[in-house]
Amino acid sequence: MHVFKGQESVGKKWRVDVLSGKEETDRNLVRLAARFEEMMRKRWKYNGRLRESSPASTRSTTSSTSKDEEIEWEMRPGGMLVQKRCEKSHVSAPSLRLRIAYGAFRYQIFISSQATFGELKKEVAEESGVEAGEQRLIFRGKERENGDYLDTCGVKDGSKVILVEDPCGREKRLLEMRRNAKLQTAHRAISDVSLEVDKLADQVCVIEKSIKTGSKVAEVQIATLTEMLMRQAIKLDSICIEGDAAAQKHLQGKRVQKCVETLDVLKVSNARVKPTVVTTSKWETFETPTLAHWEIFD
């Protein structure tokens, strides 16, 4: 096979270009690897601390760069790693005056520019009465999260923030209010039954003492007291409640049952008591003396 001189020179030039391109690619890969290694060395930990040491060549020539520089980093909600803000800085952050729109109501909130929307919700809750967990703050047509900073989101002095109450939170609050009202009603009913049981228990004690001393008690009194206790038991059964109040309900039910059982025992004991017979002494009777007749003179 015959190769012309011109073709041979072109082939050599092509091989040189390929080799130079490969070397350039290798150099770019080395630079990218070194840059990536330096970046990973800076990202020491999420919201952690970083000690960035200067190169060895610089430490040998300059004494000022011989010390490690301590830098604190934090991760923003968007995923960006930035230098952490110093909370103990002597320079105070500027205060912002924000206009809060909640339906037909308007509020003014003064807050630091470096505050978060979560801190803003606490201030808004004091003014509007809407709990922080039930708030949705809209700024520039977008709902902001609690961890978003005001200044990074572009909030400036006089900016308008729209407050929207979360419907799920509202329903949850209404359900909680109904549940609390139901619990209060049940507690009140149990308290009323407890007072009545206390009075009836005192009457049971009085009857028990009378029977023990040998005094017979009318059976109607025992039957009436038993009926009144059973009415309180029916009231307790009609109370629907859960939680701690259920234990109180069970306790009052035990008291009523104990009083009824005591009356059943007293009813049997009362039947055995003989009625006391009162005997009166026989007294001697005397006739009333007749008065003497007196003559009346004019």
C-alpha atoms as a PDB file:
ATOM      1  CA  MET A   1       0.000   0.000   0.000  1.00  0.00           C
ATOM      2  CA  HIS A   2       1.460   3.327  -1.025  1.00  0.00           C
ATOM      3  CA  VAL A   3       1.002   6.388   1.211  1.00  0.00           C
ATOM      4  CA  PHE A   4       1.656   9.793  -0.126  1.00  0.00           C
ATOM      5  CA  LYS A   5       3.735  12.248   1.866  1.00  0.00           C
ATOM      6  CA  GLY A   6       0.840  14.655   2.195  1.00  0.00           C
ATOM      7  CA  GLN A   7      -1.373  11.971   3.664  1.00  0.00           C
ATOM      8  CA  GLU A   8       1.333  10.930   6.106  1.00  0.00           C
ATOM      9  CA  SER A   9       1.723  14.506   7.408  1.00  0.00           C
ATOM     10  CA  VAL A  10      -2.053  14.839   7.855  1.00  0.00           C
ATOM     11  CA  GLY A  11      -2.177  11.607   9.865  1.00  0.00           C
ATOM     12  CA  LYS A  12       0.601  12.752  12.160  1.00  0.00           C
ATOM     13  CA  LYS A  13      -1.149  16.071  12.747  1.00  0.00           C
ATOM     14  CA  TRP A  14      -4.436  14.278  13.561  1.00  0.00           C
ATOM     15  CA  ARG A  15      -2.688  12.039  16.103  1.00  0.00           C
ATOM     16  CA  VAL A  16      -1.096  15.061  17.770  1.00  0.00           C
ATOM     17  CA  ASP A  17      -4.490  16.812  18.017  1.00  0.00           C
ATOM     18  CA  VAL A  18      -6.078  13.726  19.585  1.00  0.00           C
ATOM     19  CA  LEU A  19      -3.282  13.415  22.133  1.00  0.00           C
ATOM     20  CA  SER A  20      -3.451  17.106  23.059  1.00  0.00           C
ATOM     21  CA  GLY A  21      -7.275  16.899  23.466  1.00  0.00           C
ATOM     22  CA  LYS A  22      -6.939  13.889  25.733  1.00  0.00           C
ATOM     23  CA  GLU A  23      -4.356  15.643  27.885  1.00  0.00           C
ATOM     24  CA  GLU A  24      -6.628  18.700  28.158  1.00  0.00           C
ATOM     25  CA  THR A  25      -9.545  16.474  29.253  1.00  0.00           C
ATOM     26  CA  ASP A  26      -7.362  14.792  31.870  1.00  0.00           C
ATOM     27  CA  ARG A  27      -6.291  18.163  33.226  1.00  0.00           C
ATOM     28  CA  ASN A  28      -9.926  19.308  33.437  1.00  0.00           C
ATOM     29  CA  LEU A  29     -10.881  16.145  35.317  1.00  0.00           C
ATOM     30  CA  VAL A  30      -8.026  16.667  37.764  1.00  0.00           C
ATOM     31  CA  ARG A  31      -9.111  20.271  38.374  1.00  0.00           C
ATOM     32  CA  LEU A  32     -12.743  19.201  38.890  1.00  0.00           C
ATOM     33  CA  ALA A  33     -11.696  16.463  41.321  1.00  0.00           C
ATOM     34  CA  ALA A  34      -9.574  18.913  43.314  1.00  0.00           C
ATOM     35  CA  ARG A  35     -12.404  21.433  43.375  1.00  0.00           C
ATOM     36  CA  PHE A  36     -14.911  18.792  44.497  1.00  0.00           C
ATOM     37  CA  GLU A  37     -12.536  17.613  47.231  1.00  0.00           C
ATOM     38  CA  GLU A  38     -12.128  21.179  48.478  1.00  0.00           C
ATOM     39  CA  MET A  39     -15.914  21.680  48.505  1.00  0.00           C
ATOM     40  CA  MET A  40     -16.520  18.465  50.462  1.00  0.00           C
ATOM     41  CA  ARG A  41     -13.838  19.461  52.943  1.00  0.00           C
ATOM     42  CA  LYS A  42     -15.715  22.713  53.608  1.00  0.00           C
ATOM     43  CA  ARG A  43     -19.044  20.971  54.129  1.00  0.00           C
ATOM     44  CA  TRP A  44     -18.038  19.363  57.378  1.00  0.00           C
ATOM     45  CA  LYS A  45     -21.508  18.694  58.722  1.00  0.00           C
ATOM     46  CA  TYR A  46     -25.105  19.929  58.408  1.00  0.00           C
ATOM     47  CA  ASN A  47     -25.395  23.049  60.593  1.00  0.00           C
ATOM     48  CA  GLY A  48     -22.016  22.107  62.024  1.00  0.00           C
ATOM     49  CA  ARG A  49     -18.697  23.802  62.290  1.00  0.00           C
ATOM     50  CA  LEU A  50     -15.887  23.987  59.758  1.00  0.00           C
ATOM     51  CA  ARG A  51     -12.256  24.622  60.249  1.00  0.00           C
ATOM     52  CA  GLU A  52     -10.739  25.688  56.996  1.00  0.00           C
ATOM     53  CA  SER A  53      -6.979  25.442  57.058  1.00  0.00           C
ATOM     54  CA  SER A  54      -4.787  27.373  54.642  1.00  0.00           C
ATOM     55  CA  PRO A  55      -2.475  25.548  52.175  1.00  0.00           C
ATOM     56  CA  ALA A  56       0.945  24.396  53.354  1.00  0.00           C
ATOM     57  CA  SER A  57       2.777  26.745  50.985  1.00  0.00           C
ATOM     58  CA  THR A  58       0.922  29.771  52.334  1.00  0.00           C
ATOM     59  CA  ARG A  59       1.601  28.766  55.963  1.00  0.00           C
ATOM     60  CA  SER A  60       5.306  28.735  55.287  1.00  0.00           C
ATOM     61  CA  THR A  61       5.348  32.257  53.839  1.00  0.00           C
ATOM     62  CA  THR A  62       2.670  34.137  55.813  1.00  0.00           C
ATOM     63  CA  SER A  63       2.250  34.043  59.617  1.00  0.00           C
ATOM     64  CA  SER A  64      -1.251  35.545  59.551  1.00  0.00           C
ATOM     65  CA  THR A  65      -2.695  32.565  57.691  1.00  0.00           C
ATOM     66  CA  SER A  66      -1.141  29.974  60.023  1.00  0.00           C
ATOM     67  CA  LYS A  67      -4.278  29.747  62.198  1.00  0.00           C
ATOM     68  CA  ASP A  68      -7.389  27.835  61.236  1.00  0.00           C
ATOM     69  CA  GLU A  69     -10.458  29.899  60.563  1.00  0.00           C
ATOM     70  CA  GLU A  70     -13.621  28.661  62.319  1.00  0.00           C
ATOM     71  CA  ILE A  71     -16.771  29.075  60.257  1.00  0.00           C
ATOM     72  CA  GLU A  72     -20.309  27.969  61.111  1.00  0.00           C
ATOM     73  CA  TRP A  73     -22.591  26.788  58.333  1.00  0.00           C
ATOM     74  CA  GLU A  74     -26.316  26.160  58.078  1.00  0.00           C
ATOM     75  CA  MET A  75     -28.628  24.631  55.486  1.00  0.00           C
ATOM     76  CA  ARG A  76     -31.386  26.885  54.142  1.00  0.00           C
ATOM     77  CA  PRO A  77     -34.838  25.452  53.280  1.00  0.00           C
ATOM     78  CA  GLY A  78     -33.949  25.525  49.587  1.00  0.00           C
ATOM     79  CA  GLY A  79     -30.953  23.243  50.169  1.00  0.00           C
ATOM     80  CA  MET A  80     -28.293  25.975  49.887  1.00  0.00           C
ATOM     81  CA  LEU A  81     -25.365  25.787  52.323  1.00  0.00           C
ATOM     82  CA  VAL A  82     -24.608  29.281  53.646  1.00  0.00           C
ATOM     83  CA  GLN A  83     -22.654  30.786  56.496  1.00  0.00           C
ATOM     84  CA  LYS A  84     -24.632  30.693  59.731  1.00  0.00           C
ATOM     85  CA  ARG A  85     -25.914  33.972  61.073  1.00  0.00           C
ATOM     86  CA  CYS A  86     -24.403  35.178  64.299  1.00  0.00           C
ATOM     87  CA  GLU A  87     -27.213  35.580  66.816  1.00  0.00           C
ATOM     88  CA  LYS A  88     -24.953  37.390  69.291  1.00  0.00           C
ATOM     89  CA  SER A  89     -23.901  40.064  66.852  1.00  0.00           C
ATOM     90  CA  HIS A  90     -23.613  43.535  68.315  1.00  0.00           C
ATOM     91  CA  VAL A  91     -25.152  45.053  65.196  1.00  0.00           C
ATOM     92  CA  SER A  92     -28.922  44.821  65.576  1.00  0.00           C
ATOM     93  CA  ALA A  93     -30.947  43.840  62.545  1.00  0.00           C
ATOM     94  CA  PRO A  94     -33.298  46.493  61.166  1.00  0.00           C
ATOM     95  CA  SER A  95     -36.921  46.312  62.255  1.00  0.00           C
ATOM     96  CA  LEU A  96     -39.647  45.918  59.657  1.00  0.00           C
ATOM     97  CA  ARG A  97     -43.201  47.197  59.725  1.00  0.00           C
ATOM     98  CA  LEU A  98     -45.398  44.593  58.065  1.00  0.00           C
ATOM     99  CA  ARG A  99     -49.032  44.950  57.017  1.00  0.00           C
ATOM    100  CA  ILE A 100     -51.047  41.839  57.833  1.00  0.00           C
ATOM    101  CA  ALA A 101     -54.336  41.375  55.957  1.00  0.00           C
ATOM    102  CA  TYR A 102     -56.832  38.956  57.491  1.00  0.00           C
ATOM    103  CA  GLY A 103     -60.137  39.222  55.650  1.00  0.00           C
ATOM    104  CA  ALA A 104     -61.534  42.679  56.400  1.00  0.00           C
ATOM    105  CA  PHE A 105     -59.101  43.179  59.303  1.00  0.00           C
ATOM    106  CA  ARG A 106     -55.735  44.924  59.046  1.00  0.00           C
ATOM    107  CA  TYR A 107     -52.862  44.649  61.516  1.00  0.00           C
ATOM    108  CA  GLN A 108     -49.391  46.155  61.793  1.00  0.00           C
ATOM    109  CA  ILE A 109     -46.555  43.984  63.080  1.00  0.00           C
ATOM    110  CA  PHE A 110     -43.060  45.225  63.932  1.00  0.00           C
ATOM    111  CA  ILE A 111     -40.462  42.462  63.710  1.00  0.00           C
ATOM    112  CA  SER A 112     -36.769  41.970  62.936  1.00  0.00           C
ATOM    113  CA  SER A 113     -35.763  41.508  59.328  1.00  0.00           C
ATOM    114  CA  GLN A 114     -33.792  38.381  60.259  1.00  0.00           C
ATOM    115  CA  ALA A 115     -36.808  36.696  61.882  1.00  0.00           C
ATOM    116  CA  THR A 116     -38.529  33.693  60.374  1.00  0.00           C
ATOM    117  CA  PHE A 117     -42.124  33.315  59.296  1.00  0.00           C
ATOM    118  CA  GLY A 118     -42.624  30.989  62.256  1.00  0.00           C
ATOM    119  CA  GLU A 119     -41.715  33.833  64.626  1.00  0.00           C
ATOM    120  CA  LEU A 120     -43.981  36.142  62.647  1.00  0.00           C
ATOM    121  CA  LYS A 121     -46.895  33.728  63.191  1.00  0.00           C
ATOM    122  CA  LYS A 122     -46.453  34.053  66.962  1.00  0.00           C
ATOM    123  CA  GLU A 123     -46.707  37.836  66.726  1.00  0.00           C
ATOM    124  CA  VAL A 124     -49.725  37.597  64.437  1.00  0.00           C
ATOM    125  CA  ALA A 125     -51.431  35.178  66.845  1.00  0.00           C
ATOM    126  CA  GLU A 126     -51.313  37.797  69.622  1.00  0.00           C
ATOM    127  CA  GLU A 127     -52.968  40.391  67.398  1.00  0.00           C
ATOM    128  CA  SER A 128     -55.506  38.317  65.465  1.00  0.00           C
ATOM    129  CA  GLY A 129     -56.280  35.553  67.951  1.00  0.00           C
ATOM    130  CA  VAL A 130     -55.639  32.852  65.337  1.00  0.00           C
ATOM    131  CA  GLU A 131     -53.356  30.143  66.690  1.00  0.00           C
ATOM    132  CA  ALA A 132     -49.947  29.836  65.046  1.00  0.00           C
ATOM    133  CA  GLY A 133     -50.622  26.243  64.030  1.00  0.00           C
ATOM    134  CA  GLU A 134     -53.775  27.309  62.170  1.00  0.00           C
ATOM    135  CA  GLN A 135     -52.144  30.146  60.190  1.00  0.00           C
ATOM    136  CA  ARG A 136     -51.089  30.236  56.556  1.00  0.00           C
ATOM    137  CA  LEU A 137     -48.987  33.271  55.640  1.00  0.00           C
ATOM    138  CA  ILE A 138     -49.039  34.201  51.950  1.00  0.00           C
ATOM    139  CA  PHE A 139     -46.342  36.513  50.582  1.00  0.00           C
ATOM    140  CA  ARG A 140     -46.098  37.339  46.891  1.00  0.00           C
ATOM    141  CA  GLY A 141     -48.673  34.682  46.070  1.00  0.00           C
ATOM    142  CA  LYS A 142     -46.781  31.865  47.780  1.00  0.00           C
ATOM    143  CA  GLU A 143     -47.291  30.242  51.154  1.00  0.00           C
ATOM    144  CA  ARG A 144     -44.189  30.555  53.306  1.00  0.00           C
ATOM    145  CA  GLU A 145     -42.877  27.880  55.633  1.00  0.00           C
ATOM    146  CA  ASN A 146     -42.005  28.441  59.276  1.00  0.00           C
ATOM    147  CA  GLY A 147     -38.263  28.143  58.636  1.00  0.00           C
ATOM    148  CA  ASP A 148     -38.144  30.740  55.844  1.00  0.00           C
ATOM    149  CA  TYR A 149     -36.372  33.989  56.728  1.00  0.00           C
ATOM    150  CA  LEU A 150     -38.082  37.279  56.003  1.00  0.00           C
ATOM    151  CA  ASP A 151     -35.130  38.991  54.339  1.00  0.00           C
ATOM    152  CA  THR A 152     -34.229  36.034  52.130  1.00  0.00           C
ATOM    153  CA  CYS A 153     -37.823  35.878  50.865  1.00  0.00           C
ATOM    154  CA  GLY A 154     -37.692  39.554  49.906  1.00  0.00           C
ATOM    155  CA  VAL A 155     -39.812  40.956  52.736  1.00  0.00           C
ATOM    156  CA  LYS A 156     -39.155  44.673  53.157  1.00  0.00           C
ATOM    157  CA  ASP A 157     -40.447  47.489  55.310  1.00  0.00           C
ATOM    158  CA  GLY A 158     -44.127  48.031  54.561  1.00  0.00           C
ATOM    159  CA  SER A 159     -44.592  44.691  52.800  1.00  0.00           C
ATOM    160  CA  LYS A 160     -48.037  43.108  52.830  1.00  0.00           C
ATOM    161  CA  VAL A 161     -48.547  39.588  54.140  1.00  0.00           C
ATOM    162  CA  ILE A 162     -51.906  37.839  53.779  1.00  0.00           C
ATOM    163  CA  LEU A 163     -53.149  35.713  56.667  1.00  0.00           C
ATOM    164  CA  VAL A 164     -55.419  32.775  55.834  1.00  0.00           C
ATOM    165  CA  GLU A 165     -56.840  30.517  58.512  1.00  0.00           C
ATOM    166  CA  ASP A 166     -56.272  26.845  57.790  1.00  0.00           C
ATOM    167  CA  PRO A 167     -59.711  25.180  57.360  1.00  0.00           C
ATOM    168  CA  CYS A 168     -58.398  21.889  58.730  1.00  0.00           C
ATOM    169  CA  GLY A 169     -57.169  23.665  61.832  1.00  0.00           C
ATOM    170  CA  ARG A 170     -60.519  25.400  62.218  1.00  0.00           C
ATOM    171  CA  GLU A 171     -62.414  22.117  62.043  1.00  0.00           C
ATOM    172  CA  LYS A 172     -59.985  20.584  64.493  1.00  0.00           C
ATOM    173  CA  ARG A 173     -60.508  23.470  66.897  1.00  0.00           C
ATOM    174  CA  LEU A 174     -64.309  23.169  66.637  1.00  0.00           C
ATOM    175  CA  LEU A 175     -64.124  19.449  67.331  1.00  0.00           C
ATOM    176  CA  GLU A 176     -61.902  20.134  70.309  1.00  0.00           C
ATOM    177  CA  MET A 177     -64.338  22.736  71.627  1.00  0.00           C
ATOM    178  CA  ARG A 178     -67.256  20.316  71.290  1.00  0.00           C
ATOM    179  CA  ARG A 179     -65.294  17.604  73.019  1.00  0.00           C
ATOM    180  CA  ASN A 180     -64.368  19.940  75.881  1.00  0.00           C
ATOM    181  CA  ALA A 181     -67.996  21.077  76.241  1.00  0.00           C
ATOM    182  CA  LYS A 182     -69.123  17.449  76.375  1.00  0.00           C
ATOM    183  CA  LEU A 183     -66.522  16.676  79.025  1.00  0.00           C
ATOM    184  CA  GLN A 184     -67.570  19.667  81.120  1.00  0.00           C
ATOM    185  CA  THR A 185     -71.230  18.621  80.945  1.00  0.00           C
ATOM    186  CA  ALA A 186     -70.346  15.082  81.993  1.00  0.00           C
ATOM    187  CA  HIS A 187     -68.158  16.322  84.855  1.00  0.00           C
ATOM    188  CA  ARG A 188     -70.982  18.561  86.054  1.00  0.00           C
ATOM    189  CA  ALA A 189     -73.492  15.682  85.944  1.00  0.00           C
ATOM    190  CA  ILE A 190     -71.152  13.378  87.869  1.00  0.00           C
ATOM    191  CA  SER A 191     -70.562  16.109  90.455  1.00  0.00           C
ATOM    192  CA  ASP A 192     -74.333  16.534  90.974  1.00  0.00           C
ATOM    193  CA  VAL A 193     -74.782  12.786  91.416  1.00  0.00           C
ATOM    194  CA  SER A 194     -71.895  12.737  93.883  1.00  0.00           C
ATOM    195  CA  LEU A 195     -73.551  15.393  96.060  1.00  0.00           C
ATOM    196  CA  GLU A 196     -76.853  13.484  96.102  1.00  0.00           C
ATOM    197  CA  VAL A 197     -75.109  10.226  96.957  1.00  0.00           C
ATOM    198  CA  ASP A 198     -73.351  11.959  99.871  1.00  0.00           C
ATOM    199  CA  LYS A 199     -76.706  13.042 101.320  1.00  0.00           C
ATOM    200  CA  LEU A 200     -78.274   9.606 100.854  1.00  0.00           C
ATOM    201  CA  ALA A 201     -75.232   7.894 102.365  1.00  0.00           C
ATOM    202  CA  ASP A 202     -75.627  10.036 105.499  1.00  0.00           C
ATOM    203  CA  GLN A 203     -79.257   8.912 105.803  1.00  0.00           C
ATOM    204  CA  VAL A 204     -78.165   5.283 105.463  1.00  0.00           C
ATOM    205  CA  CYS A 205     -75.728   5.780 108.343  1.00  0.00           C
ATOM    206  CA  VAL A 206     -78.490   7.259 110.523  1.00  0.00           C
ATOM    207  CA  ILE A 207     -80.796   4.275 109.854  1.00  0.00           C
ATOM    208  CA  GLU A 208     -77.954   1.850 110.551  1.00  0.00           C
ATOM    209  CA  LYS A 209     -77.255   3.450 113.938  1.00  0.00           C
ATOM    210  CA  SER A 210     -80.938   3.371 114.870  1.00  0.00           C
ATOM    211  CA  ILE A 211     -81.271  -0.329 114.085  1.00  0.00           C
ATOM    212  CA  LYS A 212     -78.083  -1.189 115.975  1.00  0.00           C
ATOM    213  CA  THR A 213     -79.422   0.552 119.094  1.00  0.00           C
ATOM    214  CA  GLY A 214     -82.575  -1.563 118.911  1.00  0.00           C
ATOM    215  CA  SER A 215     -84.920   1.044 117.481  1.00  0.00           C
ATOM    216  CA  LYS A 216     -87.230  -0.175 114.752  1.00  0.00           C
ATOM    217  CA  VAL A 217     -87.353   1.924 111.582  1.00  0.00           C
ATOM    218  CA  ALA A 218     -90.341   2.148 109.285  1.00  0.00           C
ATOM    219  CA  GLU A 219     -89.938  -0.076 106.237  1.00  0.00           C
ATOM    220  CA  VAL A 220     -91.284   2.694 104.028  1.00  0.00           C
ATOM    221  CA  GLN A 221     -88.294   4.835 104.942  1.00  0.00           C
ATOM    222  CA  ILE A 222     -85.846   2.099 103.885  1.00  0.00           C
ATOM    223  CA  ALA A 223     -87.740   1.445 100.623  1.00  0.00           C
ATOM    224  CA  THR A 224     -87.853   5.147  99.750  1.00  0.00           C
ATOM    225  CA  LEU A 225     -84.128   5.550 100.371  1.00  0.00           C
ATOM    226  CA  THR A 226     -83.380   2.518  98.193  1.00  0.00           C
ATOM    227  CA  GLU A 227     -85.474   3.942  95.351  1.00  0.00           C
ATOM    228  CA  MET A 228     -83.671   7.289  95.518  1.00  0.00           C
ATOM    229  CA  LEU A 229     -80.310   5.538  95.278  1.00  0.00           C
ATOM    230  CA  MET A 230     -81.459   3.556  92.247  1.00  0.00           C
ATOM    231  CA  ARG A 231     -82.447   6.797  90.520  1.00  0.00           C
ATOM    232  CA  GLN A 232     -78.900   8.098  90.978  1.00  0.00           C
ATOM    233  CA  ALA A 233     -77.579   4.855  89.500  1.00  0.00           C
ATOM    234  CA  ILE A 234     -79.757   5.378  86.414  1.00  0.00           C
ATOM    235  CA  LYS A 235     -78.386   8.928  86.038  1.00  0.00           C
ATOM    236  CA  LEU A 236     -74.833   7.592  86.128  1.00  0.00           C
ATOM    237  CA  ASP A 237     -75.599   5.009  83.452  1.00  0.00           C
ATOM    238  CA  SER A 238     -76.957   7.721  81.136  1.00  0.00           C
ATOM    239  CA  ILE A 239     -73.664   9.679  81.261  1.00  0.00           C
ATOM    240  CA  CYS A 240     -71.433   8.823  78.275  1.00  0.00           C
ATOM    241  CA  ILE A 241     -67.839   9.786  78.974  1.00  0.00           C
ATOM    242  CA  GLU A 242     -64.279   8.594  78.426  1.00  0.00           C
ATOM    243  CA  GLY A 243     -60.922   9.186  80.028  1.00  0.00           C
ATOM    244  CA  ASP A 244     -60.382  10.300  83.624  1.00  0.00           C
ATOM    245  CA  ALA A 245     -64.050  11.159  84.161  1.00  0.00           C
ATOM    246  CA  ALA A 246     -64.967   7.534  83.447  1.00  0.00           C
ATOM    247  CA  ALA A 247     -63.050   6.535  86.581  1.00  0.00           C
ATOM    248  CA  GLN A 248     -65.063   9.038  88.645  1.00  0.00           C
ATOM    249  CA  LYS A 249     -68.278   7.672  87.185  1.00  0.00           C
ATOM    250  CA  HIS A 250     -67.248   4.130  88.087  1.00  0.00           C
ATOM    251  CA  LEU A 251     -66.376   5.242  91.639  1.00  0.00           C
ATOM    252  CA  GLN A 252     -69.793   6.833  92.203  1.00  0.00           C
ATOM    253  CA  GLY A 253     -71.468   3.712  90.825  1.00  0.00           C
ATOM    254  CA  LYS A 254     -69.594   1.624  93.393  1.00  0.00           C
ATOM    255  CA  ARG A 255     -70.775   3.937  96.188  1.00  0.00           C
ATOM    256  CA  VAL A 256     -74.415   3.652  95.121  1.00  0.00           C
ATOM    257  CA  GLN A 257     -74.154  -0.132  94.929  1.00  0.00           C
ATOM    258  CA  LYS A 258     -72.617  -0.306  98.402  1.00  0.00           C
ATOM    259  CA  CYS A 259     -75.390   1.858  99.904  1.00  0.00           C
ATOM    260  CA  VAL A 260     -78.109  -0.297  98.310  1.00  0.00           C
ATOM    261  CA  GLU A 261     -76.503  -3.480  99.622  1.00  0.00           C
ATOM    262  CA  THR A 262     -76.289  -1.934 103.106  1.00  0.00           C
ATOM    263  CA  LEU A 263     -79.988  -1.069 103.001  1.00  0.00           C
ATOM    264  CA  ASP A 264     -80.853  -4.643 102.001  1.00  0.00           C
ATOM    265  CA  VAL A 265     -78.998  -5.944 105.057  1.00  0.00           C
ATOM    266  CA  LEU A 266     -80.608  -3.320 107.302  1.00  0.00           C
ATOM    267  CA  LYS A 267     -84.047  -4.269 105.999  1.00  0.00           C
ATOM    268  CA  VAL A 268     -83.561  -7.847 107.217  1.00  0.00           C
ATOM    269  CA  SER A 269     -82.145  -6.687 110.552  1.00  0.00           C
ATOM    270  CA  ASN A 270     -84.984  -4.216 111.022  1.00  0.00           C
ATOM    271  CA  ALA A 271     -87.563  -6.997 110.605  1.00  0.00           C
ATOM    272  CA  ARG A 272     -86.018  -8.859 113.540  1.00  0.00           C
ATOM    273  CA  VAL A 273     -86.222  -5.877 115.880  1.00  0.00           C
ATOM    274  CA  LYS A 274     -89.217  -6.116 118.227  1.00  0.00           C
ATOM    275  CA  PRO A 275     -91.176  -2.943 118.734  1.00  0.00           C
ATOM    276  CA  THR A 276     -90.747  -1.442 122.192  1.00  0.00           C
ATOM    277  CA  VAL A 277     -93.954  -1.514 124.367  1.00  0.00           C
ATOM    278  CA  VAL A 278     -94.421   1.472 126.608  1.00  0.00           C
ATOM    279  CA  THR A 279     -96.312   0.604 129.856  1.00  0.00           C
ATOM    280  CA  THR A 280     -97.863   3.411 131.837  1.00  0.00           C
ATOM    281  CA  SER A 281     -98.255   3.244 135.646  1.00  0.00           C
ATOM    282  CA  LYS A 282    -101.750   3.111 137.163  1.00  0.00           C
ATOM    283  CA  TRP A 283    -102.447   6.246 139.088  1.00  0.00           C
ATOM    284  CA  GLU A 284    -105.012   6.693 141.867  1.00  0.00           C
ATOM    285  CA  THR A 285    -107.719   9.216 140.991  1.00  0.00           C
ATOM    286  CA  PHE A 286    -109.321  11.570 143.451  1.00  0.00           C
ATOM    287  CA  GLU A 287    -112.638  13.328 143.177  1.00  0.00           C
ATOM    288  CA  THR A 288    -112.559  17.072 143.030  1.00  0.00           C
ATOM    289  CA  PRO A 289    -113.697  18.633 146.320  1.00  0.00           C
ATOM    290  CA  THR A 290    -116.961  20.499 146.295  1.00  0.00           C
ATOM    291  CA  LEU A 291    -116.812  24.116 147.273  1.00  0.00           C
ATOM    292  CA  ALA A 292    -118.815  25.326 150.254  1.00  0.00           C
ATOM    293  CA  HIS A 293    -121.908  27.333 149.512  1.00  0.00           C
ATOM    294  CA  TRP A 294    -121.712  30.884 150.699  1.00  0.00           C
ATOM    295  CA  GLU A 295    -124.623  33.132 151.374  1.00  0.00           C
ATOM    296  CA  ILE A 296    -124.457  36.471 149.664  1.00  0.00           C
ATOM    297  CA  PHE A 297    -125.620  39.580 151.547  1.00  0.00           C
ATOM    298  CA  ASP A 298    -126.422  42.850 150.031  1.00  0.00           C
END
